[in-house]
């Protein structure tokens, strides 16, 4: 389940992140969910290797963390199944 950003957190214009697959360093803009709804969830595609990624803001380090989308989705699905059982 997507985490909420801390109350009063000021979402920045863009954040650096490193691709979880190939290690390419790049920048990402926050998602509509981050800006408009305070949810710490977004996605994007690595400009180097093309991997589709889940992105979350590390509010302490002011960077985005990336994770392969399929891995993230499997973890989220498993967590949701545990809470509904």
C-alpha atoms as a PDB file:
ATOM      1  CA  UNK A   1       0.000   0.000   0.000  1.00  0.00           C
ATOM      2  CA  UNK A   2       1.353   3.437  -0.877  1.00  0.00           C
ATOM      3  CA  UNK A   3       2.611   5.513   1.981  1.00  0.00           C
ATOM      4  CA  UNK A   4       1.505   9.066   2.625  1.00  0.00           C
ATOM      5  CA  UNK A   5       4.047  11.857   2.557  1.00  0.00           C
ATOM      6  CA  UNK A   6       4.569  13.524   5.959  1.00  0.00           C
ATOM      7  CA  UNK A   7       2.073  16.280   6.784  1.00  0.00           C
ATOM      8  CA  UNK A   8       3.399  19.630   5.621  1.00  0.00           C
ATOM      9  CA  UNK A   9       6.065  18.066   3.382  1.00  0.00           C
ATOM     10  CA  UNK A  10       6.998  20.468   0.575  1.00  0.00           C
ATOM     11  CA  UNK A  11       7.274  18.452  -2.658  1.00  0.00           C
ATOM     12  CA  UNK A  12      10.295  19.617  -4.678  1.00  0.00           C
ATOM     13  CA  UNK A  13      10.333  20.320  -8.438  1.00  0.00           C
ATOM     14  CA  UNK A  14      12.537  17.299  -9.193  1.00  0.00           C
ATOM     15  CA  UNK A  15      14.613  14.672  -7.420  1.00  0.00           C
ATOM     16  CA  UNK A  16      17.719  12.679  -8.329  1.00  0.00           C
ATOM     17  CA  UNK A  17      17.434   8.897  -8.413  1.00  0.00           C
ATOM     18  CA  UNK A  18      19.476   5.890  -9.438  1.00  0.00           C
ATOM     19  CA  UNK A  19      17.915   3.163 -11.572  1.00  0.00           C
ATOM     20  CA  UNK A  20      17.492   0.019  -9.487  1.00  0.00           C
ATOM     21  CA  UNK A  21      18.357  -2.116 -12.517  1.00  0.00           C
ATOM     22  CA  UNK A  22      21.328  -0.493 -14.262  1.00  0.00           C
ATOM     23  CA  UNK A  23      22.528   2.148 -11.774  1.00  0.00           C
ATOM     24  CA  UNK A  24      22.097   5.083 -14.183  1.00  0.00           C
ATOM     25  CA  UNK A  25      21.748   8.370 -12.300  1.00  0.00           C
ATOM     26  CA  UNK A  26      18.983  10.674 -13.506  1.00  0.00           C
ATOM     27  CA  UNK A  27      16.268  13.102 -12.354  1.00  0.00           C
ATOM     28  CA  UNK A  28      12.508  12.647 -11.976  1.00  0.00           C
ATOM     29  CA  UNK A  29       9.646  15.019 -11.382  1.00  0.00           C
ATOM     30  CA  UNK A  30       7.122  14.097  -8.679  1.00  0.00           C
ATOM     31  CA  UNK A  31       3.916  12.373  -9.776  1.00  0.00           C
ATOM     32  CA  UNK A  32       0.438  13.882  -9.694  1.00  0.00           C
ATOM     33  CA  UNK A  33      -0.300  11.599  -6.737  1.00  0.00           C
ATOM     34  CA  UNK A  34       2.650  13.118  -4.855  1.00  0.00           C
ATOM     35  CA  UNK A  35       1.752  16.712  -5.668  1.00  0.00           C
ATOM     36  CA  UNK A  36      -2.007  16.565  -5.514  1.00  0.00           C
ATOM     37  CA  UNK A  37      -2.815  13.882  -2.989  1.00  0.00           C
ATOM     38  CA  UNK A  38       0.256  13.531  -0.754  1.00  0.00           C
ATOM     39  CA  UNK A  39       0.758   9.868  -1.653  1.00  0.00           C
ATOM     40  CA  UNK A  40       4.358   8.730  -1.928  1.00  0.00           C
ATOM     41  CA  UNK A  41       3.997   6.782  -5.149  1.00  0.00           C
ATOM     42  CA  UNK A  42       5.004   7.338  -8.736  1.00  0.00           C
ATOM     43  CA  UNK A  43       6.489   5.601 -11.738  1.00  0.00           C
ATOM     44  CA  UNK A  44       8.816   6.217 -14.644  1.00  0.00           C
ATOM     45  CA  UNK A  45      11.090   4.600 -17.157  1.00  0.00           C
ATOM     46  CA  UNK A  46      14.888   4.553 -16.934  1.00  0.00           C
ATOM     47  CA  UNK A  47      16.358   6.659 -19.729  1.00  0.00           C
ATOM     48  CA  UNK A  48      19.343   4.284 -20.008  1.00  0.00           C
ATOM     49  CA  UNK A  49      18.004   0.701 -19.852  1.00  0.00           C
ATOM     50  CA  UNK A  50      14.255   1.299 -20.298  1.00  0.00           C
ATOM     51  CA  UNK A  51      13.173  -0.520 -17.117  1.00  0.00           C
ATOM     52  CA  UNK A  52       9.754   0.569 -15.873  1.00  0.00           C
ATOM     53  CA  UNK A  53      10.227   1.691 -12.257  1.00  0.00           C
ATOM     54  CA  UNK A  54       8.225   2.447  -9.142  1.00  0.00           C
ATOM     55  CA  UNK A  55       9.458   5.688  -7.526  1.00  0.00           C
ATOM     56  CA  UNK A  56       9.099   6.973  -3.955  1.00  0.00           C
ATOM     57  CA  UNK A  57      10.538  10.070  -2.299  1.00  0.00           C
ATOM     58  CA  UNK A  58      13.038   9.580   0.528  1.00  0.00           C
ATOM     59  CA  UNK A  59      11.968  12.684   2.444  1.00  0.00           C
ATOM     60  CA  UNK A  60      15.067  12.698   4.665  1.00  0.00           C
ATOM     61  CA  UNK A  61      17.651  12.440   1.884  1.00  0.00           C
ATOM     62  CA  UNK A  62      15.609  14.439  -0.687  1.00  0.00           C
ATOM     63  CA  UNK A  63      16.062  11.794  -3.391  1.00  0.00           C
ATOM     64  CA  UNK A  64      13.741   9.335  -5.091  1.00  0.00           C
ATOM     65  CA  UNK A  65      14.168   5.636  -4.533  1.00  0.00           C
ATOM     66  CA  UNK A  66      13.566   3.327  -7.476  1.00  0.00           C
ATOM     67  CA  UNK A  67      12.436  -0.278  -7.636  1.00  0.00           C
ATOM     68  CA  UNK A  68      11.640  -2.508 -10.591  1.00  0.00           C
ATOM     69  CA  UNK A  69       7.881  -2.140 -11.144  1.00  0.00           C
ATOM     70  CA  UNK A  70       7.174  -5.873 -11.301  1.00  0.00           C
ATOM     71  CA  UNK A  71       9.034  -6.489  -8.028  1.00  0.00           C
ATOM     72  CA  UNK A  72       7.208  -3.597  -6.338  1.00  0.00           C
ATOM     73  CA  UNK A  73       3.837  -4.799  -7.646  1.00  0.00           C
ATOM     74  CA  UNK A  74       4.468  -8.356  -6.385  1.00  0.00           C
ATOM     75  CA  UNK A  75       5.362  -6.999  -2.918  1.00  0.00           C
ATOM     76  CA  UNK A  76       2.295  -4.736  -2.833  1.00  0.00           C
ATOM     77  CA  UNK A  77       0.010  -7.558  -3.976  1.00  0.00           C
ATOM     78  CA  UNK A  78       1.372  -9.909  -1.306  1.00  0.00           C
ATOM     79  CA  UNK A  79       1.005  -7.237   1.395  1.00  0.00           C
ATOM     80  CA  UNK A  80      -2.578  -6.522   0.343  1.00  0.00           C
ATOM     81  CA  UNK A  81      -3.444 -10.221   0.342  1.00  0.00           C
ATOM     82  CA  UNK A  82      -2.106 -10.554   3.894  1.00  0.00           C
ATOM     83  CA  UNK A  83      -4.283  -7.687   5.146  1.00  0.00           C
ATOM     84  CA  UNK A  84      -7.447  -9.060   3.516  1.00  0.00           C
ATOM     85  CA  UNK A  85      -7.128 -12.599   4.854  1.00  0.00           C
END
